[in-house]
C-alpha atoms as a PDB file:
ATOM      1  CA  MET A   1      -9.531  16.503 -17.916  1.00  0.00           C
ATOM      2  CA  LYS A   2      -7.534  13.646 -19.262  1.00  0.00           C
ATOM      3  CA  SER A   3      -6.612  11.038 -16.821  1.00  0.00           C
ATOM      4  CA  LEU A   4      -3.636   8.755 -17.072  1.00  0.00           C
ATOM      5  CA  LYS A   5      -2.761   5.120 -16.177  1.00  0.00           C
ATOM      6  CA  TYR A   6       0.691   3.906 -15.507  1.00  0.00           C
ATOM      7  CA  SER A   7       0.646   2.490 -18.919  1.00  0.00           C
ATOM      8  CA  ASP A   8      -0.421   5.755 -20.549  1.00  0.00           C
ATOM      9  CA  VAL A   9       3.096   7.375 -19.481  1.00  0.00           C
ATOM     10  CA  CYS A  10       6.852   6.606 -19.959  1.00  0.00           C
ATOM     11  CA  LEU A  11       9.870   7.905 -17.950  1.00  0.00           C
ATOM     12  CA  VAL A  12      12.668   9.932 -19.528  1.00  0.00           C
ATOM     13  CA  PRO A  13      16.255   8.890 -18.632  1.00  0.00           C
ATOM     14  CA  LYS A  14      18.676  11.390 -17.145  1.00  0.00           C
ATOM     15  CA  TYR A  15      22.573  11.228 -17.103  1.00  0.00           C
ATOM     16  CA  GLY A  16      23.630   8.339 -14.863  1.00  0.00           C
ATOM     17  CA  VAL A  17      26.167   8.867 -12.041  1.00  0.00           C
ATOM     18  CA  CYS A  18      26.194   5.278 -10.545  1.00  0.00           C
ATOM     19  CA  ARG A  19      29.003   2.954 -11.662  1.00  0.00           C
ATOM     20  CA  SER A  20      27.033  -0.128 -10.717  1.00  0.00           C
ATOM     21  CA  ARG A  21      23.249  -0.674 -10.150  1.00  0.00           C
ATOM     22  CA  SER A  22      24.025  -2.504  -7.046  1.00  0.00           C
ATOM     23  CA  GLU A  23      25.096   0.868  -5.584  1.00  0.00           C
ATOM     24  CA  CYS A  24      21.496   2.273  -5.889  1.00  0.00           C
ATOM     25  CA  ASP A  25      19.632   2.407  -2.564  1.00  0.00           C
ATOM     26  CA  THR A  26      15.996   1.325  -2.792  1.00  0.00           C
ATOM     27  CA  SER A  27      15.277   1.988   1.054  1.00  0.00           C
ATOM     28  CA  ALA A  28      12.602   3.767   2.418  1.00  0.00           C
ATOM     29  CA  ILE A  29      11.946   5.574   5.832  1.00  0.00           C
ATOM     30  CA  ILE A  30       8.238   4.542   6.889  1.00  0.00           C
ATOM     31  CA  GLY A  31       7.188   6.152  10.385  1.00  0.00           C
ATOM     32  CA  GLY A  32      10.751   6.705  11.441  1.00  0.00           C
ATOM     33  CA  LYS A  33      11.876   3.011  10.595  1.00  0.00           C
ATOM     34  CA  LYS A  34      14.005   1.998   7.675  1.00  0.00           C
ATOM     35  CA  PHE A  35      12.887  -0.630   5.340  1.00  0.00           C
ATOM     36  CA  LYS A  36      14.472  -2.088   2.259  1.00  0.00           C
ATOM     37  CA  LEU A  37      11.773  -1.048  -0.269  1.00  0.00           C
ATOM     38  CA  PRO A  38       9.110   1.567  -0.694  1.00  0.00           C
ATOM     39  CA  VAL A  39       6.900  -1.346  -1.387  1.00  0.00           C
ATOM     40  CA  ILE A  40       4.024  -3.083   0.448  1.00  0.00           C
ATOM     41  CA  PRO A  41       2.431  -6.410  -0.259  1.00  0.00           C
ATOM     42  CA  ALA A  42      -1.406  -5.603  -0.189  1.00  0.00           C
ATOM     43  CA  ASN A  43      -2.931  -6.356   3.253  1.00  0.00           C
ATOM     44  CA  MET A  44      -5.289  -8.863   1.455  1.00  0.00           C
ATOM     45  CA  LYS A  45      -6.431 -12.335   2.350  1.00  0.00           C
ATOM     46  CA  SER A  46      -5.326 -13.687  -0.760  1.00  0.00           C
ATOM     47  CA  VAL A  47      -1.863 -11.968  -0.420  1.00  0.00           C
ATOM     48  CA  VAL A  48      -0.442 -12.099   3.045  1.00  0.00           C
ATOM     49  CA  ASN A  49      -0.726 -14.323   6.072  1.00  0.00           C
ATOM     50  CA  VAL A  50       0.910 -14.506   9.584  1.00  0.00           C
ATOM     51  CA  ASP A  51       3.882 -16.635   8.507  1.00  0.00           C
ATOM     52  CA  LEU A  52       4.503 -14.176   5.472  1.00  0.00           C
ATOM     53  CA  CYS A  53       4.169 -11.223   7.601  1.00  0.00           C
ATOM     54  CA  ARG A  54       6.602 -12.626  10.346  1.00  0.00           C
ATOM     55  CA  TRP A  55       9.177 -13.091   7.474  1.00  0.00           C
ATOM     56  CA  LEU A  56       8.870  -9.747   6.146  1.00  0.00           C
ATOM     57  CA  SER A  57       9.130  -8.306   9.648  1.00  0.00           C
ATOM     58  CA  GLU A  58      12.242 -10.386  10.242  1.00  0.00           C
ATOM     59  CA  ASN A  59      13.768  -9.161   6.844  1.00  0.00           C
ATOM     60  CA  ASP A  60      13.143  -5.560   7.148  1.00  0.00           C
ATOM     61  CA  PHE A  61      10.313  -5.194   4.446  1.00  0.00           C
ATOM     62  CA  PHE A  62       7.107  -3.240   5.355  1.00  0.00           C
ATOM     63  CA  TYR A  63       3.949  -5.171   5.613  1.00  0.00           C
ATOM     64  CA  SER A  64       0.432  -4.745   7.082  1.00  0.00           C
ATOM     65  CA  MET A  65      -1.338  -8.003   8.264  1.00  0.00           C
ATOM     66  CA  HIS A  66      -4.804  -7.995   6.782  1.00  0.00           C
ATOM     67  CA  ARG A  67      -7.904  -7.838   8.888  1.00  0.00           C
ATOM     68  CA  PHE A  68     -10.427 -10.702   7.385  1.00  0.00           C
ATOM     69  CA  ASP A  69     -11.319 -13.796   9.361  1.00  0.00           C
ATOM     70  CA  ILE A  70      -8.559 -13.288  12.068  1.00  0.00           C
ATOM     71  CA  ASP A  71      -8.323 -12.090  15.619  1.00  0.00           C
ATOM     72  CA  VAL A  72      -6.701  -8.705  15.129  1.00  0.00           C
ATOM     73  CA  GLN A  73      -5.898  -8.267  18.896  1.00  0.00           C
ATOM     74  CA  HIS A  74      -4.632 -11.681  19.207  1.00  0.00           C
ATOM     75  CA  PHE A  75      -2.388 -11.228  16.210  1.00  0.00           C
ATOM     76  CA  ILE A  76      -1.034  -8.080  17.826  1.00  0.00           C
ATOM     77  CA  GLU A  77      -0.582  -9.660  21.113  1.00  0.00           C
ATOM     78  CA  ASP A  78       1.369 -12.683  19.762  1.00  0.00           C
ATOM     79  CA  CYS A  79       3.604 -10.306  17.843  1.00  0.00           C
ATOM     80  CA  ASN A  80       4.297  -8.517  21.170  1.00  0.00           C
ATOM     81  CA  ARG A  81       4.822 -11.821  22.835  1.00  0.00           C
ATOM     82  CA  TYR A  82       7.524 -12.878  20.362  1.00  0.00           C
ATOM     83  CA  ASN A  83       8.905  -9.180  19.944  1.00  0.00           C
ATOM     84  CA  TRP A  84       8.480  -8.898  16.161  1.00  0.00           C
ATOM     85  CA  LYS A  85      10.820  -6.122  14.732  1.00  0.00           C
ATOM     86  CA  THR A  86       7.804  -4.521  13.227  1.00  0.00           C
ATOM     87  CA  ILE A  87       4.383  -5.036  14.277  1.00  0.00           C
ATOM     88  CA  SER A  88       1.843  -3.737  11.737  1.00  0.00           C
ATOM     89  CA  ALA A  89      -1.838  -4.744  11.291  1.00  0.00           C
ATOM     90  CA  SER A  90      -5.132  -3.710   9.836  1.00  0.00           C
ATOM     91  CA  VAL A  91      -8.704  -2.871  11.149  1.00  0.00           C
ATOM     92  CA  GLY A  92     -11.999  -1.542   9.647  1.00  0.00           C
ATOM     93  CA  THR A  93     -14.208   1.046  11.283  1.00  0.00           C
ATOM     94  CA  ASN A  94     -17.038  -1.163  12.778  1.00  0.00           C
ATOM     95  CA  PRO A  95     -17.587  -1.250  16.674  1.00  0.00           C
ATOM     96  CA  THR A  96     -15.719  -4.406  17.175  1.00  0.00           C
ATOM     97  CA  HIS A  97     -12.496  -2.828  15.712  1.00  0.00           C
ATOM     98  CA  LYS A  98     -12.850   0.391  17.765  1.00  0.00           C
ATOM     99  CA  ASN A  99     -13.019  -1.947  20.734  1.00  0.00           C
ATOM    100  CA  ILE A 100      -9.739  -3.688  19.795  1.00  0.00           C
ATOM    101  CA  ILE A 101      -8.012  -0.137  19.563  1.00  0.00           C
ATOM    102  CA  SER A 102      -9.391   0.587  23.248  1.00  0.00           C
ATOM    103  CA  ASN A 103      -8.261  -2.981  24.297  1.00  0.00           C
ATOM    104  CA  LEU A 104      -4.570  -2.184  22.917  1.00  0.00           C
ATOM    105  CA  ARG A 105      -4.699   0.920  24.639  1.00  0.00           C
ATOM    106  CA  SER A 106      -5.617  -0.621  27.945  1.00  0.00           C
ATOM    107  CA  SER A 107      -2.921  -3.325  27.560  1.00  0.00           C
ATOM    108  CA  GLY A 108      -0.098  -1.229  26.526  1.00  0.00           C
ATOM    109  CA  ALA A 109       0.682  -3.488  23.634  1.00  0.00           C
ATOM    110  CA  ARG A 110       3.116  -2.161  21.158  1.00  0.00           C
ATOM    111  CA  ILE A 111       1.788  -1.593  17.500  1.00  0.00           C
ATOM    112  CA  ASP A 112       4.114   0.216  15.099  1.00  0.00           C
ATOM    113  CA  PHE A 113       1.821   0.758  12.379  1.00  0.00           C
ATOM    114  CA  LEU A 114      -2.039   0.373  12.156  1.00  0.00           C
ATOM    115  CA  THR A 115      -3.741   0.639   8.848  1.00  0.00           C
ATOM    116  CA  ILE A 116      -7.424   1.631   8.854  1.00  0.00           C
ATOM    117  CA  ASP A 117      -8.511   0.273   5.662  1.00  0.00           C
ATOM    118  CA  ILE A 118     -11.930   0.805   4.069  1.00  0.00           C
ATOM    119  CA  ALA A 119     -13.174   1.083   0.546  1.00  0.00           C
ATOM    120  CA  HIS A 120     -14.546   4.712   0.910  1.00  0.00           C
ATOM    121  CA  GLY A 121     -11.936   6.356   3.365  1.00  0.00           C
ATOM    122  CA  TYR A 122     -13.243   9.997   2.810  1.00  0.00           C
ATOM    123  CA  SER A 123     -16.288   9.352   5.062  1.00  0.00           C
ATOM    124  CA  LEU A 124     -17.667   9.981   8.563  1.00  0.00           C
ATOM    125  CA  ASN A 125     -17.036   6.463   9.607  1.00  0.00           C
ATOM    126  CA  MET A 126     -13.298   7.151   8.950  1.00  0.00           C
ATOM    127  CA  LYS A 127     -13.294  10.399  10.776  1.00  0.00           C
ATOM    128  CA  GLU A 128     -14.687   8.891  13.893  1.00  0.00           C
ATOM    129  CA  MET A 129     -12.364   5.846  13.685  1.00  0.00           C
ATOM    130  CA  LEU A 130      -9.040   8.025  12.996  1.00  0.00           C
ATOM    131  CA  LYS A 131      -9.970  10.295  15.903  1.00  0.00           C
ATOM    132  CA  HIS A 132     -10.772   7.430  18.344  1.00  0.00           C
ATOM    133  CA  THR A 133      -7.504   5.664  17.138  1.00  0.00           C
ATOM    134  CA  ARG A 134      -5.336   8.780  17.471  1.00  0.00           C
ATOM    135  CA  LYS A 135      -6.381   9.476  20.953  1.00  0.00           C
ATOM    136  CA  ALA A 136      -5.931   5.649  22.051  1.00  0.00           C
ATOM    137  CA  LEU A 137      -2.722   5.017  20.300  1.00  0.00           C
ATOM    138  CA  PRO A 138      -0.633   8.325  19.931  1.00  0.00           C
ATOM    139  CA  ASN A 139       2.712   6.689  19.447  1.00  0.00           C
ATOM    140  CA  THR A 140       1.509   4.433  16.526  1.00  0.00           C
ATOM    141  CA  CYS A 141       1.933   5.344  13.028  1.00  0.00           C
ATOM    142  CA  ILE A 142      -1.460   5.315  11.297  1.00  0.00           C
ATOM    143  CA  ILE A 143      -2.217   4.481   7.618  1.00  0.00           C
ATOM    144  CA  ALA A 144      -5.801   5.351   6.586  1.00  0.00           C
ATOM    145  CA  GLY A 145      -7.473   5.091   3.216  1.00  0.00           C
ATOM    146  CA  ASN A 146      -8.612   4.834   0.563  1.00  0.00           C
ATOM    147  CA  VAL A 147      -9.349   8.160  -1.134  1.00  0.00           C
ATOM    148  CA  SER A 148      -8.793   9.594  -4.637  1.00  0.00           C
ATOM    149  CA  CYS A 149      -8.845  13.277  -4.279  1.00  0.00           C
ATOM    150  CA  PRO A 150      -6.986  16.050  -2.475  1.00  0.00           C
ATOM    151  CA  ASP A 151      -9.843  17.056  -0.161  1.00  0.00           C
ATOM    152  CA  GLY A 152      -9.923  13.302   1.074  1.00  0.00           C
ATOM    153  CA  VAL A 153      -6.042  13.396   1.715  1.00  0.00           C
ATOM    154  CA  ARG A 154      -6.130  16.805   3.573  1.00  0.00           C
ATOM    155  CA  SER A 155      -9.066  15.407   5.706  1.00  0.00           C
ATOM    156  CA  LEU A 156      -7.751  12.015   6.746  1.00  0.00           C
ATOM    157  CA  TYR A 157      -4.385  13.678   7.713  1.00  0.00           C
ATOM    158  CA  LYS A 158      -6.255  16.295   9.823  1.00  0.00           C
ATOM    159  CA  TRP A 159      -8.212  13.574  11.480  1.00  0.00           C
ATOM    160  CA  GLY A 160      -5.129  11.782  12.690  1.00  0.00           C
ATOM    161  CA  ALA A 161      -3.469   9.806   9.742  1.00  0.00           C
ATOM    162  CA  ASP A 162       0.167   9.825   9.250  1.00  0.00           C
ATOM    163  CA  TYR A 163       0.039   8.363   5.771  1.00  0.00           C
ATOM    164  CA  VAL A 164      -2.838   8.340   3.432  1.00  0.00           C
ATOM    165  CA  LYS A 165      -3.599   5.589   1.027  1.00  0.00           C
ATOM    166  CA  VAL A 166      -4.836   6.612  -2.431  1.00  0.00           C
ATOM    167  CA  GLY A 167      -6.544   4.736  -5.093  1.00  0.00           C
ATOM    168  CA  ILE A 168     -10.244   3.893  -5.780  1.00  0.00           C
ATOM    169  CA  GLY A 169     -11.362   1.078  -8.155  1.00  0.00           C
ATOM    170  CA  GLN A 170      -7.988   0.475  -9.969  1.00  0.00           C
ATOM    171  CA  GLY A 171      -6.951  -2.714  -8.558  1.00  0.00           C
ATOM    172  CA  SER A 172      -7.255  -5.840 -10.943  1.00  0.00           C
ATOM    173  CA  PRO A 173      -9.849  -7.781  -8.802  1.00  0.00           C
ATOM    174  CA  CYS A 174     -11.628  -4.645  -7.965  1.00  0.00           C
ATOM    175  CA  THR A 175     -15.087  -4.024  -9.609  1.00  0.00           C
ATOM    176  CA  THR A 176     -15.827  -0.656  -7.929  1.00  0.00           C
ATOM    177  CA  LYS A 177     -15.312   1.217 -11.093  1.00  0.00           C
ATOM    178  CA  ASP A 178     -17.951  -0.921 -13.036  1.00  0.00           C
ATOM    179  CA  LYS A 179     -20.445  -1.097  -9.966  1.00  0.00           C
ATOM    180  CA  THR A 180     -20.380   2.464  -9.119  1.00  0.00           C
ATOM    181  CA  GLY A 181     -18.801   4.475 -11.716  1.00  0.00           C
ATOM    182  CA  PHE A 182     -16.198   5.982  -9.249  1.00  0.00           C
ATOM    183  CA  THR A 183     -12.512   5.702  -9.967  1.00  0.00           C
ATOM    184  CA  MET A 184      -9.364   7.457 -11.049  1.00  0.00           C
ATOM    185  CA  PRO A 185      -6.633   6.140 -12.976  1.00  0.00           C
ATOM    186  CA  MET A 186      -3.644   5.923 -10.940  1.00  0.00           C
ATOM    187  CA  PHE A 187      -0.986   8.155 -12.358  1.00  0.00           C
ATOM    188  CA  THR A 188      -3.234  11.129 -12.320  1.00  0.00           C
ATOM    189  CA  CYS A 189      -4.697   9.961  -9.080  1.00  0.00           C
ATOM    190  CA  ILE A 190      -1.233  10.201  -7.308  1.00  0.00           C
ATOM    191  CA  ASN A 191      -0.379  13.482  -9.056  1.00  0.00           C
ATOM    192  CA  LEU A 192      -3.544  15.053  -7.873  1.00  0.00           C
ATOM    193  CA  CYS A 193      -3.037  13.731  -4.205  1.00  0.00           C
ATOM    194  CA  SER A 194       0.656  14.140  -3.870  1.00  0.00           C
ATOM    195  CA  GLY A 195       2.648  17.242  -2.579  1.00  0.00           C
ATOM    196  CA  LEU A 196      -0.187  18.414  -0.448  1.00  0.00           C
ATOM    197  CA  LEU A 197       0.439  20.321   2.743  1.00  0.00           C
ATOM    198  CA  GLU A 198      -1.189  19.989   6.012  1.00  0.00           C
ATOM    199  CA  THR A 199      -2.524  23.598   5.729  1.00  0.00           C
ATOM    200  CA  GLU A 200      -3.872  25.289   2.609  1.00  0.00           C
ATOM    201  CA  GLY A 201      -3.118  28.474   1.238  1.00  0.00           C
ATOM    202  CA  ASP A 202       0.181  30.577   1.261  1.00  0.00           C
ATOM    203  CA  PHE A 203       2.933  29.338   3.593  1.00  0.00           C
ATOM    204  CA  ILE A 204       6.580  29.909   4.305  1.00  0.00           C
ATOM    205  CA  GLU A 205       8.765  26.976   3.576  1.00  0.00           C
ATOM    206  CA  GLY A 206       9.317  24.883   6.563  1.00  0.00           C
ATOM    207  CA  GLU A 207       6.265  25.817   8.350  1.00  0.00           C
ATOM    208  CA  ALA A 208       3.765  23.385   6.600  1.00  0.00           C
ATOM    209  CA  LYS A 209       4.265  19.494   6.539  1.00  0.00           C
ATOM    210  CA  ARG A 210       3.978  17.687   3.265  1.00  0.00           C
ATOM    211  CA  ILE A 211       1.393  14.792   3.559  1.00  0.00           C
ATOM    212  CA  PRO A 212       2.899  11.444   2.707  1.00  0.00           C
ATOM    213  CA  ILE A 213       0.628   9.019   0.344  1.00  0.00           C
ATOM    214  CA  ILE A 214       0.718   5.364  -0.339  1.00  0.00           C
ATOM    215  CA  ALA A 215      -0.290   4.431  -4.011  1.00  0.00           C
ATOM    216  CA  ASP A 216      -2.647   1.521  -3.817  1.00  0.00           C
ATOM    217  CA  GLY A 217      -3.962  -0.169  -7.111  1.00  0.00           C
ATOM    218  CA  GLY A 218      -3.159  -0.719 -10.816  1.00  0.00           C
ATOM    219  CA  ILE A 219       0.655  -1.913 -10.320  1.00  0.00           C
ATOM    220  CA  SER A 220       1.242  -4.731 -12.642  1.00  0.00           C
ATOM    221  CA  CYS A 221       5.004  -4.640 -13.021  1.00  0.00           C
ATOM    222  CA  VAL A 222       7.934  -2.896 -11.091  1.00  0.00           C
ATOM    223  CA  GLY A 223       8.007  -0.313 -13.855  1.00  0.00           C
ATOM    224  CA  ASP A 224       4.711   0.717 -12.445  1.00  0.00           C
ATOM    225  CA  MET A 225       6.210   1.201  -9.106  1.00  0.00           C
ATOM    226  CA  ALA A 226       8.843   3.559 -10.329  1.00  0.00           C
ATOM    227  CA  LYS A 227       5.983   5.541 -12.050  1.00  0.00           C
ATOM    228  CA  ALA A 228       4.009   5.690  -8.902  1.00  0.00           C
ATOM    229  CA  LEU A 229       7.160   7.298  -7.057  1.00  0.00           C
ATOM    230  CA  ARG A 230       7.630   9.749 -10.017  1.00  0.00           C
ATOM    231  CA  ALA A 231       3.935  10.765  -9.816  1.00  0.00           C
ATOM    232  CA  GLY A 232       4.381  11.738  -6.162  1.00  0.00           C
ATOM    233  CA  ALA A 233       3.994   8.507  -4.038  1.00  0.00           C
ATOM    234  CA  ASP A 234       6.043   7.799  -1.079  1.00  0.00           C
ATOM    235  CA  LEU A 235       5.259   4.140  -1.128  1.00  0.00           C
ATOM    236  CA  CYS A 236       3.180   1.785  -3.314  1.00  0.00           C
ATOM    237  CA  MET A 237       1.062  -1.271  -2.247  1.00  0.00           C
ATOM    238  CA  ALA A 238       0.870  -3.997  -4.780  1.00  0.00           C
ATOM    239  CA  GLY A 239      -1.309  -7.121  -4.768  1.00  0.00           C
ATOM    240  CA  GLY A 240      -1.267  -9.430  -7.969  1.00  0.00           C
ATOM    241  CA  ILE A 241       2.547  -9.318  -8.057  1.00  0.00           C
ATOM    242  CA  PHE A 242       2.837 -10.963  -4.767  1.00  0.00           C
ATOM    243  CA  ALA A 243      -0.477 -12.954  -4.936  1.00  0.00           C
ATOM    244  CA  SER A 244       1.100 -14.930  -7.769  1.00  0.00           C
ATOM    245  CA  CYS A 245       3.962 -16.062  -5.689  1.00  0.00           C
ATOM    246  CA  ILE A 246       4.258 -19.975  -4.905  1.00  0.00           C
ATOM    247  CA  ASP A 247       4.116 -19.128  -1.032  1.00  0.00           C
ATOM    248  CA  SER A 248       1.494 -16.444  -1.165  1.00  0.00           C
ATOM    249  CA  ALA A 249      -1.802 -16.759   0.838  1.00  0.00           C
ATOM    250  CA  SER A 250      -3.876 -17.138  -2.306  1.00  0.00           C
ATOM    251  CA  PRO A 251      -5.075 -20.604  -3.186  1.00  0.00           C
ATOM    252  CA  THR A 252      -3.345 -22.681  -5.592  1.00  0.00           C
ATOM    253  CA  ILE A 253      -5.444 -23.882  -8.372  1.00  0.00           C
ATOM    254  CA  GLU A 254      -4.185 -26.670 -10.893  1.00  0.00           C
ATOM    255  CA  ILE A 255      -5.896 -26.555 -14.276  1.00  0.00           C
ATOM    256  CA  ASP A 256      -4.602 -28.823 -17.086  1.00  0.00           C
ATOM    257  CA  GLY A 257      -1.258 -29.180 -15.715  1.00  0.00           C
ATOM    258  CA  SER A 258      -1.058 -25.376 -15.245  1.00  0.00           C
ATOM    259  CA  THR A 259      -0.608 -23.665 -11.830  1.00  0.00           C
ATOM    260  CA  PHE A 260      -2.637 -20.703 -11.016  1.00  0.00           C
ATOM    261  CA  LYS A 261      -3.190 -18.694  -7.984  1.00  0.00           C
ATOM    262  CA  GLY A 262      -6.584 -17.442  -6.883  1.00  0.00           C
ATOM    263  CA  TYR A 263      -6.374 -13.680  -6.269  1.00  0.00           C
ATOM    264  CA  PHE A 264      -9.602 -11.976  -5.059  1.00  0.00           C
ATOM    265  CA  GLY A 265     -10.554  -8.807  -3.804  1.00  0.00           C
ATOM    266  CA  SER A 266     -11.554  -7.617  -0.272  1.00  0.00           C
ATOM    267  CA  ALA A 267     -15.010  -6.877  -1.413  1.00  0.00           C
ATOM    268  CA  SER A 268     -15.319 -10.213  -3.428  1.00  0.00           C
ATOM    269  CA  TYR A 269     -17.686 -13.155  -2.574  1.00  0.00           C
ATOM    270  CA  GLU A 270     -14.435 -15.228  -2.009  1.00  0.00           C
ATOM    271  CA  ASN A 271     -13.495 -12.782   0.777  1.00  0.00           C
ATOM    272  CA  LYS A 272     -16.792 -11.911   2.476  1.00  0.00           C
ATOM    273  CA  GLN A 273     -18.511 -15.405   1.878  1.00  0.00           C
ATOM    274  CA  ALA A 274     -21.853 -13.301   1.231  1.00  0.00           C
ATOM    275  CA  MET A 275     -23.491 -11.955  -1.673  1.00  0.00           C
ATOM    276  CA  THR A 276     -24.046  -8.366  -0.478  1.00  0.00           C
ATOM    277  CA  HIS A 277     -22.512  -5.250  -1.670  1.00  0.00           C
ATOM    278  CA  ILE A 278     -19.915  -6.997  -3.931  1.00  0.00           C
ATOM    279  CA  GLU A 279     -17.362  -4.986  -5.347  1.00  0.00           C
ATOM    280  CA  GLY A 280     -14.648  -7.469  -6.347  1.00  0.00           C
ATOM    281  CA  LYS A 281     -13.894 -10.619  -8.117  1.00  0.00           C
ATOM    282  CA  LEU A 282     -11.577 -13.729  -8.384  1.00  0.00           C
ATOM    283  CA  ASN A 283      -8.686 -13.567 -10.808  1.00  0.00           C
ATOM    284  CA  ARG A 284      -6.837 -16.610 -11.834  1.00  0.00           C
ATOM    285  CA  LEU A 285      -3.177 -15.527 -11.967  1.00  0.00           C
ATOM    286  CA  VAL A 286      -0.486 -17.801 -13.602  1.00  0.00           C
ATOM    287  CA  SER A 287       1.996 -18.591 -10.754  1.00  0.00           C
ATOM    288  CA  ASN A 288       5.251 -16.783 -11.466  1.00  0.00           C
ATOM    289  CA  GLY A 289       7.098 -19.628  -9.965  1.00  0.00           C
ATOM    290  CA  MET A 290       8.692 -17.316  -7.291  1.00  0.00           C
ATOM    291  CA  THR A 291       8.708 -17.226  -3.763  1.00  0.00           C
ATOM    292  CA  PHE A 292       8.137 -13.900  -1.762  1.00  0.00           C
ATOM    293  CA  ALA A 293      11.737 -13.572  -1.129  1.00  0.00           C
ATOM    294  CA  GLN A 294      12.781 -14.046  -4.719  1.00  0.00           C
ATOM    295  CA  LYS A 295      10.120 -11.760  -5.990  1.00  0.00           C
ATOM    296  CA  LEU A 296      11.385  -8.930  -3.482  1.00  0.00           C
ATOM    297  CA  GLN A 297      14.902  -9.597  -4.552  1.00  0.00           C
ATOM    298  CA  GLU A 298      13.778  -8.851  -8.302  1.00  0.00           C
ATOM    299  CA  ILE A 299      11.834  -5.970  -7.280  1.00  0.00           C
ATOM    300  CA  THR A 300      14.976  -4.642  -5.629  1.00  0.00           C
ATOM    301  CA  GLU A 301      17.247  -5.103  -8.563  1.00  0.00           C
ATOM    302  CA  ASP A 302      14.491  -3.727 -10.910  1.00  0.00           C
ATOM    303  CA  LEU A 303      14.232  -0.483  -8.855  1.00  0.00           C
ATOM    304  CA  GLN A 304      17.983  -0.211  -8.617  1.00  0.00           C
ATOM    305  CA  SER A 305      17.939  -0.401 -12.548  1.00  0.00           C
ATOM    306  CA  SER A 306      15.229   2.383 -12.405  1.00  0.00           C
ATOM    307  CA  ILE A 307      17.266   4.482 -10.118  1.00  0.00           C
ATOM    308  CA  SER A 308      20.335   4.244 -12.331  1.00  0.00           C
ATOM    309  CA  TYR A 309      18.269   5.544 -15.382  1.00  0.00           C
ATOM    310  CA  SER A 310      16.773   8.447 -13.174  1.00  0.00           C
ATOM    311  CA  GLY A 311      20.462   9.921 -12.778  1.00  0.00           C
ATOM    312  CA  GLY A 312      20.489   9.340  -9.009  1.00  0.00           C
ATOM    313  CA  LEU A 313      21.572   6.969  -6.338  1.00  0.00           C
ATOM    314  CA  ASP A 314      18.440   6.523  -4.314  1.00  0.00           C
ATOM    315  CA  ILE A 315      14.713   6.278  -4.932  1.00  0.00           C
ATOM    316  CA  SER A 316      14.320  10.165  -4.225  1.00  0.00           C
ATOM    317  CA  SER A 317      15.902  10.707  -7.873  1.00  0.00           C
ATOM    318  CA  LEU A 318      12.722   8.973  -9.433  1.00  0.00           C
ATOM    319  CA  LYS A 319      10.697  12.201  -8.427  1.00  0.00           C
ATOM    320  CA  GLU A 320      12.997  14.436 -10.592  1.00  0.00           C
ATOM    321  CA  VAL A 321      12.672  12.612 -14.059  1.00  0.00           C
ATOM    322  CA  ASP A 322      10.477  13.966 -16.841  1.00  0.00           C
ATOM    323  CA  TYR A 323       7.653  11.805 -18.255  1.00  0.00           C
ATOM    324  CA  TYR A 324       5.847  11.698 -21.571  1.00  0.00           C
ATOM    325  CA  GLU A 325       2.247  10.808 -22.319  1.00  0.00           C
ATOM    326  CA  LEU A 326       1.698   8.130 -24.779  1.00  0.00           C
ATOM    327  CA  LYS A 327      -0.528   8.569 -27.550  1.00  0.00           C
END
């Protein structure tokens, strides 16, 4: 079976009905809340920090605070103390994070979104963590991943996830594909993992719910976001696009008068500070010279243009266009 990356396909324009690209609606409903874009800055230490997450919350963009070298419970409690519009954080599956979930239940703290984020989501550790979290936080929208096959999507949803994050080994600072051999090019991965129903087999329309997915990995430009949505993603997560912003959480590196940003994977030495089970690396990205706010405005305008080419007025129209494989 041939597998396709974003760069292996092109989208085909349809008859346009909007008179101005500014009419096109890029908003998305996530967990019952409306956000300006179907885009999430990656929940990575080299992408977001508390200040950026606060700004994203205040300005109606979706986010998930990363879980590395921070006190997750303290972060959530602070968000409650200052009544953030959206409270969204990440955890792993270790005992410490299980205790955090139990503590949040006991305290009654609000958490709108929780991302359970591990490299191999289709696993016993994820199954146990999802069941624990769903029981403890029944009103929280849970995102879980990562997986790269339909069985993984269905299983995580069955175990308690509301959204399943798909993508293994396709992020630019990720070396999983080289270290382990396991990966799936993203356009095909999304195609395989999208449109799945909570129950298998024959069904009557309306009786089975479609499982929403988030595409995570391989996005190098806004056009790739449009392709991810066409392939069947409900949302897409991007890292390098945001890490290269001047106010991102990635370290700034000056080399011969040029400004670079240090973008590193969650399983890299730079993130772990230990040489064990390394499946990530440090990339030096040329700074794009833009703030997060400026980049998000550019993404909004580019997606509005994508919608205009797709023949509709909102992001749902992107799912209806044809595409060709490039040779």
